[in-house]
Full PDB file with SEQRES, HELIX, SHEET, SSBOND, CRYST1, ORIGX, SCALE, CONECT and MASTER records, all heavy atoms in Angstrom:
SEQRES   1 A   34  ALA LEU GLY VAL MET ASN LEU PHE TRP ILE ALA SER LEU          
SEQRES   2 A   34  ALA ILE LEU VAL LEU LEU GLU LYS VAL THR PRO SER GLY          
SEQRES   3 A   34  ARG LEU ILE ALA ARG THR VAL GLY                              
HELIX    1 AA1 LEU A    7  VAL A   22  1                                  16    
HELIX    2 AA2 GLY A   26  VAL A   33  1                                   8    
CRYST1    1.000    1.000    1.000  90.00  90.00  90.00 P 1           1          
ORIGX1      1.000000  0.000000  0.000000        0.00000                         
ORIGX2      0.000000  1.000000  0.000000        0.00000                         
ORIGX3      0.000000  0.000000  1.000000        0.00000                         
SCALE1      1.000000  0.000000  0.000000        0.00000                         
SCALE2      0.000000  1.000000  0.000000        0.00000                         
SCALE3      0.000000  0.000000  1.000000        0.00000                         
ATOM      1  N   ALA A   1     176.898 134.970 206.899  1.00  0.00           N  
ATOM      2  CA  ALA A   1     175.439 135.075 206.975  1.00  0.00           C  
ATOM      3  C   ALA A   1     174.809 135.172 205.592  1.00  0.00           C  
ATOM      4  O   ALA A   1     173.717 134.647 205.354  1.00  0.00           O  
ATOM      5  CB  ALA A   1     175.041 136.297 207.807  1.00  0.00           C  
ATOM      6  N   LEU A   2     175.487 135.845 204.664  1.00  0.00           N  
ATOM      7  CA  LEU A   2     174.914 136.130 203.348  1.00  0.00           C  
ATOM      8  C   LEU A   2     175.303 135.110 202.283  1.00  0.00           C  
ATOM      9  O   LEU A   2     174.671 135.055 201.228  1.00  0.00           O  
ATOM     10  CB  LEU A   2     175.340 137.531 202.899  1.00  0.00           C  
ATOM     11  CG  LEU A   2     174.976 138.672 203.865  1.00  0.00           C  
ATOM     12  CD1 LEU A   2     175.628 139.969 203.418  1.00  0.00           C  
ATOM     13  CD2 LEU A   2     173.474 138.819 203.974  1.00  0.00           C  
ATOM     14  N   GLY A   3     176.333 134.324 202.556  1.00  0.00           N  
ATOM     15  CA  GLY A   3     176.817 133.343 201.583  1.00  0.00           C  
ATOM     16  C   GLY A   3     178.275 133.606 201.253  1.00  0.00           C  
ATOM     17  O   GLY A   3     178.589 134.634 200.659  1.00  0.00           O  
ATOM     18  N   VAL A   4     179.143 132.692 201.652  1.00  0.00           N  
ATOM     19  CA  VAL A   4     180.579 132.907 201.489  1.00  0.00           C  
ATOM     20  C   VAL A   4     180.955 133.108 200.026  1.00  0.00           C  
ATOM     21  O   VAL A   4     181.797 133.936 199.698  1.00  0.00           O  
ATOM     22  CB  VAL A   4     181.370 131.724 202.095  1.00  0.00           C  
ATOM     23  CG1 VAL A   4     182.857 131.857 201.796  1.00  0.00           C  
ATOM     24  CG2 VAL A   4     181.138 131.654 203.612  1.00  0.00           C  
ATOM     25  N   MET A   5     180.318 132.372 199.122  1.00  0.00           N  
ATOM     26  CA  MET A   5     180.649 132.492 197.705  1.00  0.00           C  
ATOM     27  C   MET A   5     179.524 133.135 196.894  1.00  0.00           C  
ATOM     28  O   MET A   5     179.398 132.907 195.698  1.00  0.00           O  
ATOM     29  CB  MET A   5     180.981 131.115 197.125  1.00  0.00           C  
ATOM     30  CG  MET A   5     182.374 130.623 197.481  1.00  0.00           C  
ATOM     31  SD  MET A   5     183.676 131.732 196.884  1.00  0.00           S  
ATOM     32  CE  MET A   5     183.483 131.571 195.117  1.00  0.00           C  
ATOM     33  N   ASN A   6     178.714 133.950 197.543  1.00  0.00           N  
ATOM     34  CA  ASN A   6     177.648 134.668 196.853  1.00  0.00           C  
ATOM     35  C   ASN A   6     178.258 135.921 196.212  1.00  0.00           C  
ATOM     36  O   ASN A   6     178.571 136.898 196.910  1.00  0.00           O  
ATOM     37  CB  ASN A   6     176.547 135.047 197.847  1.00  0.00           C  
ATOM     38  CG  ASN A   6     175.331 135.652 197.170  1.00  0.00           C  
ATOM     39  OD1 ASN A   6     175.450 136.561 196.355  1.00  0.00           O  
ATOM     40  ND2 ASN A   6     174.154 135.150 197.514  1.00  0.00           N  
ATOM     41  N   LEU A   7     178.434 135.898 194.909  1.00  0.00           N  
ATOM     42  CA  LEU A   7     179.133 136.982 194.225  1.00  0.00           C  
ATOM     43  C   LEU A   7     178.416 138.317 194.354  1.00  0.00           C  
ATOM     44  O   LEU A   7     179.063 139.377 194.391  1.00  0.00           O  
ATOM     45  CB  LEU A   7     179.324 136.626 192.748  1.00  0.00           C  
ATOM     46  CG  LEU A   7     180.238 135.432 192.454  1.00  0.00           C  
ATOM     47  CD1 LEU A   7     180.321 135.189 190.952  1.00  0.00           C  
ATOM     48  CD2 LEU A   7     181.631 135.663 193.032  1.00  0.00           C  
ATOM     49  N   PHE A   8     177.079 138.289 194.428  1.00  0.00           N  
ATOM     50  CA  PHE A   8     176.337 139.542 194.577  1.00  0.00           C  
ATOM     51  C   PHE A   8     176.715 140.234 195.878  1.00  0.00           C  
ATOM     52  O   PHE A   8     176.991 141.442 195.894  1.00  0.00           O  
ATOM     53  CB  PHE A   8     174.833 139.276 194.543  1.00  0.00           C  
ATOM     54  CG  PHE A   8     174.004 140.487 194.894  1.00  0.00           C  
ATOM     55  CD1 PHE A   8     173.767 141.472 193.949  1.00  0.00           C  
ATOM     56  CD2 PHE A   8     173.474 140.648 196.176  1.00  0.00           C  
ATOM     57  CE1 PHE A   8     173.013 142.597 194.265  1.00  0.00           C  
ATOM     58  CE2 PHE A   8     172.722 141.767 196.502  1.00  0.00           C  
ATOM     59  CZ  PHE A   8     172.487 142.739 195.546  1.00  0.00           C  
ATOM     60  N   TRP A   9     176.734 139.476 196.971  1.00  0.00           N  
ATOM     61  CA  TRP A   9     177.048 140.083 198.263  1.00  0.00           C  
ATOM     62  C   TRP A   9     178.526 140.424 198.388  1.00  0.00           C  
ATOM     63  O   TRP A   9     178.887 141.416 199.026  1.00  0.00           O  
ATOM     64  CB  TRP A   9     176.604 139.167 199.402  1.00  0.00           C  
ATOM     65  CG  TRP A   9     175.127 139.143 199.574  1.00  0.00           C  
ATOM     66  CD1 TRP A   9     174.278 138.092 199.378  1.00  0.00           C  
ATOM     67  CD2 TRP A   9     174.293 140.249 199.963  1.00  0.00           C  
ATOM     68  NE1 TRP A   9     172.977 138.464 199.615  1.00  0.00           N  
ATOM     69  CE2 TRP A   9     172.958 139.785 199.979  1.00  0.00           C  
ATOM     70  CE3 TRP A   9     174.540 141.579 200.305  1.00  0.00           C  
ATOM     71  CZ2 TRP A   9     171.890 140.609 200.318  1.00  0.00           C  
ATOM     72  CZ3 TRP A   9     173.477 142.401 200.637  1.00  0.00           C  
ATOM     73  CH2 TRP A   9     172.171 141.919 200.642  1.00  0.00           C  
ATOM     74  N   ILE A  10     179.382 139.632 197.773  1.00  0.00           N  
ATOM     75  CA  ILE A  10     180.807 139.966 197.779  1.00  0.00           C  
ATOM     76  C   ILE A  10     181.025 141.318 197.092  1.00  0.00           C  
ATOM     77  O   ILE A  10     181.728 142.194 197.604  1.00  0.00           O  
ATOM     78  CB  ILE A  10     181.624 138.864 197.073  1.00  0.00           C  
ATOM     79  CG1 ILE A  10     181.567 137.564 197.875  1.00  0.00           C  
ATOM     80  CG2 ILE A  10     183.082 139.302 196.900  1.00  0.00           C  
ATOM     81  CD1 ILE A  10     182.205 136.392 197.159  1.00  0.00           C  
ATOM     82  N   ALA A  11     180.398 141.495 195.927  1.00  0.00           N  
ATOM     83  CA  ALA A  11     180.535 142.755 195.197  1.00  0.00           C  
ATOM     84  C   ALA A  11     179.892 143.911 195.964  1.00  0.00           C  
ATOM     85  O   ALA A  11     180.446 145.023 196.019  1.00  0.00           O  
ATOM     86  CB  ALA A  11     179.902 142.627 193.814  1.00  0.00           C  
ATOM     87  N   SER A  12     178.728 143.663 196.578  1.00  0.00           N  
ATOM     88  CA  SER A  12     178.036 144.715 197.325  1.00  0.00           C  
ATOM     89  C   SER A  12     178.872 145.201 198.507  1.00  0.00           C  
ATOM     90  O   SER A  12     178.979 146.412 198.753  1.00  0.00           O  
ATOM     91  CB  SER A  12     176.686 144.198 197.821  1.00  0.00           C  
ATOM     92  OG  SER A  12     175.835 143.869 196.739  1.00  0.00           O  
ATOM     93  N   LEU A  13     179.474 144.270 199.230  1.00  0.00           N  
ATOM     94  CA  LEU A  13     180.312 144.648 200.377  1.00  0.00           C  
ATOM     95  C   LEU A  13     181.571 145.373 199.915  1.00  0.00           C  
ATOM     96  O   LEU A  13     182.027 146.321 200.573  1.00  0.00           O  
ATOM     97  CB  LEU A  13     180.673 143.411 201.189  1.00  0.00           C  
ATOM     98  CG  LEU A  13     179.519 142.762 201.964  1.00  0.00           C  
ATOM     99  CD1 LEU A  13     179.956 141.447 202.586  1.00  0.00           C  
ATOM    100  CD2 LEU A  13     179.003 143.706 203.054  1.00  0.00           C  
ATOM    101  N   ALA A  14     182.136 144.961 198.779  1.00  0.00           N  
ATOM    102  CA  ALA A  14     183.321 145.643 198.251  1.00  0.00           C  
ATOM    103  C   ALA A  14     182.994 147.090 197.885  1.00  0.00           C  
ATOM    104  O   ALA A  14     183.778 148.011 198.156  1.00  0.00           O  
ATOM    105  CB  ALA A  14     183.851 144.891 197.029  1.00  0.00           C  
ATOM    106  N   ILE A  15     181.833 147.304 197.279  1.00  0.00           N  
ATOM    107  CA  ILE A  15     181.410 148.665 196.927  1.00  0.00           C  
ATOM    108  C   ILE A  15     181.164 149.482 198.186  1.00  0.00           C  
ATOM    109  O   ILE A  15     181.531 150.665 198.258  1.00  0.00           O  
ATOM    110  CB  ILE A  15     180.151 148.617 196.047  1.00  0.00           C  
ATOM    111  CG1 ILE A  15     180.482 147.997 194.684  1.00  0.00           C  
ATOM    112  CG2 ILE A  15     179.556 150.014 195.854  1.00  0.00           C  
ATOM    113  CD1 ILE A  15     179.265 147.714 193.825  1.00  0.00           C  
ATOM    114  N   LEU A  16     180.553 148.882 199.189  1.00  0.00           N  
ATOM    115  CA  LEU A  16     180.306 149.581 200.450  1.00  0.00           C  
ATOM    116  C   LEU A  16     181.616 150.020 201.093  1.00  0.00           C  
ATOM    117  O   LEU A  16     181.745 151.172 201.545  1.00  0.00           O  
ATOM    118  CB  LEU A  16     179.530 148.669 201.404  1.00  0.00           C  
ATOM    119  CG  LEU A  16     179.351 149.200 202.839  1.00  0.00           C  
ATOM    120  CD1 LEU A  16     178.607 150.526 202.834  1.00  0.00           C  
ATOM    121  CD2 LEU A  16     178.638 148.161 203.699  1.00  0.00           C  
ATOM    122  N   VAL A  17     182.599 149.123 201.143  1.00  0.00           N  
ATOM    123  CA  VAL A  17     183.903 149.462 201.716  1.00  0.00           C  
ATOM    124  C   VAL A  17     184.526 150.631 200.960  1.00  0.00           C  
ATOM    125  O   VAL A  17     185.066 151.566 201.566  1.00  0.00           O  
ATOM    126  CB  VAL A  17     184.832 148.230 201.682  1.00  0.00           C  
ATOM    127  CG1 VAL A  17     186.270 148.624 201.996  1.00  0.00           C  
ATOM    128  CG2 VAL A  17     184.349 147.178 202.670  1.00  0.00           C  
ATOM    129  N   LEU A  18     184.442 150.600 199.634  1.00  0.00           N  
ATOM    130  CA  LEU A  18     185.000 151.673 198.818  1.00  0.00           C  
ATOM    131  C   LEU A  18     184.319 153.002 199.110  1.00  0.00           C  
ATOM    132  O   LEU A  18     184.978 154.033 199.274  1.00  0.00           O  
ATOM    133  CB  LEU A  18     184.864 151.309 197.341  1.00  0.00           C  
ATOM    134  CG  LEU A  18     185.456 152.291 196.326  1.00  0.00           C  
ATOM    135  CD1 LEU A  18     186.965 152.380 196.496  1.00  0.00           C  
ATOM    136  CD2 LEU A  18     185.111 151.872 194.902  1.00  0.00           C  
ATOM    137  N   LEU A  19     182.986 152.985 199.193  1.00  0.00           N  
ATOM    138  CA  LEU A  19     182.252 154.221 199.470  1.00  0.00           C  
ATOM    139  C   LEU A  19     182.565 154.771 200.850  1.00  0.00           C  
ATOM    140  O   LEU A  19     182.680 155.990 201.039  1.00  0.00           O  
ATOM    141  CB  LEU A  19     180.743 153.961 199.341  1.00  0.00           C  
ATOM    142  CG  LEU A  19     180.222 153.658 197.932  1.00  0.00           C  
ATOM    143  CD1 LEU A  19     178.737 153.330 197.974  1.00  0.00           C  
ATOM    144  CD2 LEU A  19     180.475 154.842 197.003  1.00  0.00           C  
ATOM    145  N   GLU A  20     182.697 153.891 201.829  1.00  0.00           N  
ATOM    146  CA  GLU A  20     183.030 154.347 203.184  1.00  0.00           C  
ATOM    147  C   GLU A  20     184.372 155.073 203.210  1.00  0.00           C  
ATOM    148  O   GLU A  20     184.532 156.071 203.914  1.00  0.00           O  
ATOM    149  CB  GLU A  20     183.090 153.152 204.137  1.00  0.00           C  
ATOM    150  CG  GLU A  20     181.741 152.618 204.572  1.00  0.00           C  
ATOM    151  CD  GLU A  20     181.862 151.554 205.641  1.00  0.00           C  
ATOM    152  OE1 GLU A  20     183.008 151.231 206.058  1.00  0.00           O  
ATOM    153  OE2 GLU A  20     180.824 151.036 206.074  1.00  0.00           O  
ATOM    154  N   LYS A  21     185.327 154.579 202.439  1.00  0.00           N  
ATOM    155  CA  LYS A  21     186.692 155.092 202.531  1.00  0.00           C  
ATOM    156  C   LYS A  21     186.963 156.315 201.671  1.00  0.00           C  
ATOM    157  O   LYS A  21     187.763 157.169 202.052  1.00  0.00           O  
ATOM    158  CB  LYS A  21     187.683 153.986 202.149  1.00  0.00           C  
ATOM    159  CG  LYS A  21     187.771 152.861 203.173  1.00  0.00           C  
ATOM    160  CD  LYS A  21     188.855 151.881 202.753  1.00  0.00           C  
ATOM    161  CE  LYS A  21     189.011 150.761 203.748  1.00  0.00           C  
ATOM    162  NZ  LYS A  21     190.109 149.837 203.366  1.00  0.00           N  
ATOM    163  N   VAL A  22     186.335 156.400 200.495  1.00  0.00           N  
ATOM    164  CA  VAL A  22     186.747 157.435 199.543  1.00  0.00           C  
ATOM    165  C   VAL A  22     185.752 158.580 199.384  1.00  0.00           C  
ATOM    166  O   VAL A  22     186.052 159.546 198.681  1.00  0.00           O  
ATOM    167  CB  VAL A  22     187.041 156.821 198.157  1.00  0.00           C  
ATOM    168  CG1 VAL A  22     188.083 155.723 198.264  1.00  0.00           C  
ATOM    169  CG2 VAL A  22     185.772 156.288 197.506  1.00  0.00           C  
ATOM    170  N   THR A  23     184.578 158.483 199.992  1.00  0.00           N  
ATOM    171  CA  THR A  23     183.611 159.564 199.863  1.00  0.00           C  
ATOM    172  C   THR A  23     183.575 160.404 201.137  1.00  0.00           C  
ATOM    173  O   THR A  23     183.805 159.888 202.235  1.00  0.00           O  
ATOM    174  CB  THR A  23     182.197 159.012 199.584  1.00  0.00           C  
ATOM    175  OG1 THR A  23     181.786 158.192 200.690  1.00  0.00           O  
ATOM    176  CG2 THR A  23     182.188 158.174 198.315  1.00  0.00           C  
ATOM    177  N   PRO A  24     183.281 161.693 201.012  1.00  0.00           N  
ATOM    178  CA  PRO A  24     183.225 162.563 202.194  1.00  0.00           C  
ATOM    179  C   PRO A  24     182.170 162.119 203.212  1.00  0.00           C  
ATOM    180  O   PRO A  24     182.304 162.389 204.406  1.00  0.00           O  
ATOM    181  CB  PRO A  24     182.869 163.936 201.597  1.00  0.00           C  
ATOM    182  CG  PRO A  24     183.312 163.856 200.171  1.00  0.00           C  
ATOM    183  CD  PRO A  24     183.079 162.446 199.758  1.00  0.00           C  
ATOM    184  N   SER A  25     181.123 161.471 202.744  1.00  0.00           N  
ATOM    185  CA  SER A  25     180.047 161.030 203.642  1.00  0.00           C  
ATOM    186  C   SER A  25     180.228 159.572 204.071  1.00  0.00           C  
ATOM    187  O   SER A  25     179.258 158.901 204.400  1.00  0.00           O  
ATOM    188  CB  SER A  25     178.694 161.206 202.943  1.00  0.00           C  
ATOM    189  OG  SER A  25     178.674 160.524 201.693  1.00  0.00           O  
ATOM    190  N   GLY A  26     181.483 159.115 204.083  1.00  0.00           N  
ATOM    191  CA  GLY A  26     181.758 157.723 204.412  1.00  0.00           C  
ATOM    192  C   GLY A  26     181.245 157.306 205.780  1.00  0.00           C  
ATOM    193  O   GLY A  26     180.689 156.213 205.946  1.00  0.00           O  
ATOM    194  N   ARG A  27     181.407 158.179 206.758  1.00  0.00           N  
ATOM    195  CA  ARG A  27     180.942 157.843 208.113  1.00  0.00           C  
ATOM    196  C   ARG A  27     179.428 157.730 208.153  1.00  0.00           C  
ATOM    197  O   ARG A  27     178.876 156.827 208.798  1.00  0.00           O  
ATOM    198  CB  ARG A  27     181.417 158.910 209.097  1.00  0.00           C  
ATOM    199  CG  ARG A  27     181.104 158.586 210.554  1.00  0.00           C  
ATOM    200  CD  ARG A  27     181.662 159.642 211.479  1.00  0.00           C  
ATOM    201  NE  ARG A  27     181.370 159.348 212.872  1.00  0.00           N  
ATOM    202  CZ  ARG A  27     181.654 160.161 213.889  1.00  0.00           C  
ATOM    203  NH1 ARG A  27     182.264 161.318 213.652  1.00  0.00           N  
ATOM    204  NH2 ARG A  27     181.345 159.840 215.128  1.00  0.00           N  
ATOM    205  N   LEU A  28     178.731 158.633 207.463  1.00  0.00           N  
ATOM    206  CA  LEU A  28     177.270 158.580 207.403  1.00  0.00           C  
ATOM    207  C   LEU A  28     176.812 157.307 206.706  1.00  0.00           C  
ATOM    208  O   LEU A  28     175.859 156.659 207.146  1.00  0.00           O  
ATOM    209  CB  LEU A  28     176.733 159.810 206.672  1.00  0.00           C  
ATOM    210  CG  LEU A  28     175.209 159.854 206.451  1.00  0.00           C  
ATOM    211  CD1 LEU A  28     174.474 159.852 207.783  1.00  0.00           C  
ATOM    212  CD2 LEU A  28     174.828 161.081 205.632  1.00  0.00           C  
ATOM    213  N   ILE A  29     177.495 156.951 205.626  1.00  0.00           N  
ATOM    214  CA  ILE A  29     177.156 155.718 204.913  1.00  0.00           C  
ATOM    215  C   ILE A  29     177.323 154.517 205.833  1.00  0.00           C  
ATOM    216  O   ILE A  29     176.462 153.628 205.887  1.00  0.00           O  
ATOM    217  CB  ILE A  29     178.035 155.571 203.659  1.00  0.00           C  
ATOM    218  CG1 ILE A  29     177.672 156.640 202.620  1.00  0.00           C  
ATOM    219  CG2 ILE A  29     177.885 154.172 203.053  1.00  0.00           C  
ATOM    220  CD1 ILE A  29     178.612 156.675 201.435  1.00  0.00           C  
ATOM    221  N   ALA A  30     178.434 154.485 206.576  1.00  0.00           N  
ATOM    222  CA  ALA A  30     178.693 153.361 207.470  1.00  0.00           C  
ATOM    223  C   ALA A  30     177.588 153.216 208.513  1.00  0.00           C  
ATOM    224  O   ALA A  30     177.104 152.106 208.779  1.00  0.00           O  
ATOM    225  CB  ALA A  30     180.051 153.545 208.151  1.00  0.00           C  
ATOM    226  N   ARG A  31     177.168 154.335 209.093  1.00  0.00           N  
ATOM    227  CA  ARG A  31     176.155 154.267 210.145  1.00  0.00           C  
ATOM    228  C   ARG A  31     174.770 153.958 209.578  1.00  0.00           C  
ATOM    229  O   ARG A  31     173.986 153.235 210.216  1.00  0.00           O  
ATOM    230  CB  ARG A  31     176.140 155.578 210.928  1.00  0.00           C  
ATOM    231  CG  ARG A  31     177.442 155.794 211.702  1.00  0.00           C  
ATOM    232  CD  ARG A  31     177.338 156.873 212.737  1.00  0.00           C  
ATOM    233  NE  ARG A  31     178.478 156.834 213.649  1.00  0.00           N  
ATOM    234  CZ  ARG A  31     178.566 157.524 214.769  1.00  0.00           C  
ATOM    235  NH1 ARG A  31     177.560 158.312 215.126  1.00  0.00           N  
ATOM    236  NH2 ARG A  31     179.621 157.421 215.546  1.00  0.00           N  
ATOM    237  N   THR A  32     174.486 154.479 208.411  1.00  0.00           N  
ATOM    238  CA  THR A  32     173.188 154.178 207.782  1.00  0.00           C  
ATOM    239  C   THR A  32     173.081 152.696 207.468  1.00  0.00           C  
ATOM    240  O   THR A  32     172.058 152.056 207.735  1.00  0.00           O  
ATOM    241  CB  THR A  32     173.010 155.009 206.499  1.00  0.00           C  
ATOM    242  OG1 THR A  32     173.096 156.404 206.823  1.00  0.00           O  
ATOM    243  CG2 THR A  32     171.667 154.724 205.858  1.00  0.00           C  
ATOM    244  N   VAL A  33     174.146 152.149 206.901  1.00  0.00           N  
ATOM    245  CA  VAL A  33     174.164 150.718 206.595  1.00  0.00           C  
ATOM    246  C   VAL A  33     174.099 149.909 207.884  1.00  0.00           C  
ATOM    247  O   VAL A  33     173.469 148.842 207.936  1.00  0.00           O  
ATOM    248  CB  VAL A  33     175.422 150.365 205.784  1.00  0.00           C  
ATOM    249  CG1 VAL A  33     175.586 148.858 205.666  1.00  0.00           C  
ATOM    250  CG2 VAL A  33     175.354 150.989 204.395  1.00  0.00           C  
ATOM    251  N   GLY A  34     174.733 150.424 208.944  1.00  0.00           N  
ATOM    252  CA  GLY A  34     174.678 149.738 210.229  1.00  0.00           C  
ATOM    253  C   GLY A  34     173.249 149.590 210.731  1.00  0.00           C  
ATOM    254  O   GLY A  34     172.867 148.534 211.255  1.00  0.00           O  
TER     255      GLY A  34                                                      
MASTER        0    0    0    2    0    0    0    6  254    1    0    3          
END                                                                             
């Protein structure tokens, strides 16, 4: 939806995945982004 080779969105999603997994508020982040 955002662009398969759009580097901005690739990096943004990678950061989101990292925050979801390694921060104590990962679940809250996931639902807020949802």
